[in-house]
Amino acid sequence: MPNTANRSRYFLDVEPELRNRFKAFAALQGKTMKEWLTEAIIAKLEDEIDSVEGLSALADTEGTMSLEAYLESRNG
């Protein structure tokens, strides 16, 4: 039996129709519901991290110039 000392269990109330949908998707991919849900959670987490990093990059102004300065440099 695998060591479950470092694992947490979460109980999720899901509507039967939604449960049947993700159970079907998991089965079509040859996965258990646990595997399918874990992959879905990881994908969502990675998307959220990418979004935060992208927004942070947009806020970084180091090494940039204003539009006015850029246009002046092109005309100058």
C-alpha atoms as a PDB file:
ATOM      1  CA  MET A   1       0.000   0.000   0.000  1.00  0.00           C
ATOM      2  CA  PRO A   2       1.435   3.435  -0.955  1.00  0.00           C
ATOM      3  CA  ASN A   3       2.478   5.814   1.784  1.00  0.00           C
ATOM      4  CA  THR A   4      -0.409   8.254   2.231  1.00  0.00           C
ATOM      5  CA  ALA A   5       1.098  10.176   5.162  1.00  0.00           C
ATOM      6  CA  ASN A   6       1.968  13.148   2.928  1.00  0.00           C
ATOM      7  CA  ARG A   7      -1.269  13.191   0.946  1.00  0.00           C
ATOM      8  CA  SER A   8      -4.495  15.050   1.557  1.00  0.00           C
ATOM      9  CA  ARG A   9      -7.958  14.008   0.606  1.00  0.00           C
ATOM     10  CA  TYR A  10     -10.530  16.462  -0.615  1.00  0.00           C
ATOM     11  CA  PHE A  11     -14.192  15.762  -0.930  1.00  0.00           C
ATOM     12  CA  LEU A  12     -16.009  17.576  -3.666  1.00  0.00           C
ATOM     13  CA  ASP A  13     -19.757  17.826  -4.093  1.00  0.00           C
ATOM     14  CA  VAL A  14     -20.436  17.585  -7.816  1.00  0.00           C
ATOM     15  CA  GLU A  15     -23.722  17.461  -9.652  1.00  0.00           C
ATOM     16  CA  PRO A  16     -24.341  13.947 -11.029  1.00  0.00           C
ATOM     17  CA  GLU A  17     -24.427  15.201 -14.625  1.00  0.00           C
ATOM     18  CA  LEU A  18     -21.022  16.862 -14.298  1.00  0.00           C
ATOM     19  CA  ARG A  19     -19.594  13.805 -12.515  1.00  0.00           C
ATOM     20  CA  ASN A  20     -20.796  11.590 -15.360  1.00  0.00           C
ATOM     21  CA  ARG A  21     -19.217  13.922 -17.912  1.00  0.00           C
ATOM     22  CA  PHE A  22     -15.757  13.905 -16.414  1.00  0.00           C
ATOM     23  CA  LYS A  23     -15.974  10.222 -15.650  1.00  0.00           C
ATOM     24  CA  ALA A  24     -16.759   9.619 -19.336  1.00  0.00           C
ATOM     25  CA  PHE A  25     -13.911  11.869 -20.498  1.00  0.00           C
ATOM     26  CA  ALA A  26     -11.508  10.056 -18.190  1.00  0.00           C
ATOM     27  CA  ALA A  27     -12.663   6.658 -19.444  1.00  0.00           C
ATOM     28  CA  LEU A  28     -12.272   7.726 -23.085  1.00  0.00           C
ATOM     29  CA  GLN A  29      -8.656   8.597 -22.332  1.00  0.00           C
ATOM     30  CA  GLY A  30      -8.060   5.373 -20.423  1.00  0.00           C
ATOM     31  CA  LYS A  31      -7.595   7.225 -17.140  1.00  0.00           C
ATOM     32  CA  THR A  32      -9.157   7.068 -13.735  1.00  0.00           C
ATOM     33  CA  MET A  33     -11.227   9.982 -12.501  1.00  0.00           C
ATOM     34  CA  LYS A  34      -8.427  10.766 -10.053  1.00  0.00           C
ATOM     35  CA  GLU A  35      -5.826  10.910 -12.838  1.00  0.00           C
ATOM     36  CA  TRP A  36      -8.069  12.987 -15.079  1.00  0.00           C
ATOM     37  CA  LEU A  37      -8.994  15.464 -12.334  1.00  0.00           C
ATOM     38  CA  THR A  38      -5.388  15.762 -11.173  1.00  0.00           C
ATOM     39  CA  GLU A  39      -4.268  16.591 -14.722  1.00  0.00           C
ATOM     40  CA  ALA A  40      -7.104  19.110 -15.083  1.00  0.00           C
ATOM     41  CA  ILE A  41      -6.168  20.813 -11.810  1.00  0.00           C
ATOM     42  CA  ILE A  42      -2.493  20.962 -12.778  1.00  0.00           C
ATOM     43  CA  ALA A  43      -3.367  22.420 -16.202  1.00  0.00           C
ATOM     44  CA  LYS A  44      -5.581  25.073 -14.592  1.00  0.00           C
ATOM     45  CA  LEU A  45      -2.865  25.926 -12.065  1.00  0.00           C
ATOM     46  CA  GLU A  46      -0.253  26.265 -14.824  1.00  0.00           C
ATOM     47  CA  ASP A  47      -2.596  28.547 -16.806  1.00  0.00           C
ATOM     48  CA  GLU A  48      -3.126  30.739 -13.747  1.00  0.00           C
ATOM     49  CA  ILE A  49       0.631  30.927 -13.086  1.00  0.00           C
ATOM     50  CA  ASP A  50       1.273  31.823 -16.747  1.00  0.00           C
ATOM     51  CA  SER A  51      -1.362  34.571 -16.546  1.00  0.00           C
ATOM     52  CA  VAL A  52       0.169  36.072 -13.423  1.00  0.00           C
ATOM     53  CA  GLU A  53       3.663  35.936 -14.905  1.00  0.00           C
ATOM     54  CA  GLY A  54       2.415  37.502 -18.140  1.00  0.00           C
ATOM     55  CA  LEU A  55       0.732  40.350 -16.309  1.00  0.00           C
ATOM     56  CA  SER A  56       3.870  40.892 -14.228  1.00  0.00           C
ATOM     57  CA  ALA A  57       5.943  41.077 -17.417  1.00  0.00           C
ATOM     58  CA  LEU A  58       3.581  43.696 -18.836  1.00  0.00           C
ATOM     59  CA  ALA A  59       4.021  45.797 -15.708  1.00  0.00           C
ATOM     60  CA  ASP A  60       7.831  45.678 -15.980  1.00  0.00           C
ATOM     61  CA  THR A  61       8.914  48.945 -17.569  1.00  0.00           C
ATOM     62  CA  GLU A  62      12.672  48.473 -17.242  1.00  0.00           C
ATOM     63  CA  GLY A  63      14.366  48.934 -20.606  1.00  0.00           C
ATOM     64  CA  THR A  64      11.299  50.473 -22.254  1.00  0.00           C
ATOM     65  CA  MET A  65      10.567  53.947 -23.547  1.00  0.00           C
ATOM     66  CA  SER A  66       7.420  55.962 -23.947  1.00  0.00           C
ATOM     67  CA  LEU A  67       5.598  56.109 -27.249  1.00  0.00           C
ATOM     68  CA  GLU A  68       6.530  59.763 -27.573  1.00  0.00           C
ATOM     69  CA  ALA A  69      10.234  59.010 -27.080  1.00  0.00           C
ATOM     70  CA  TYR A  70      10.069  56.160 -29.592  1.00  0.00           C
ATOM     71  CA  LEU A  71       8.368  58.320 -32.233  1.00  0.00           C
ATOM     72  CA  GLU A  72      10.849  61.124 -31.624  1.00  0.00           C
ATOM     73  CA  SER A  73      13.776  58.739 -32.068  1.00  0.00           C
ATOM     74  CA  ARG A  74      12.308  57.549 -35.368  1.00  0.00           C
ATOM     75  CA  ASN A  75      11.766  61.098 -36.659  1.00  0.00           C
ATOM     76  CA  GLY A  76      15.028  62.497 -35.266  1.00  0.00           C
END
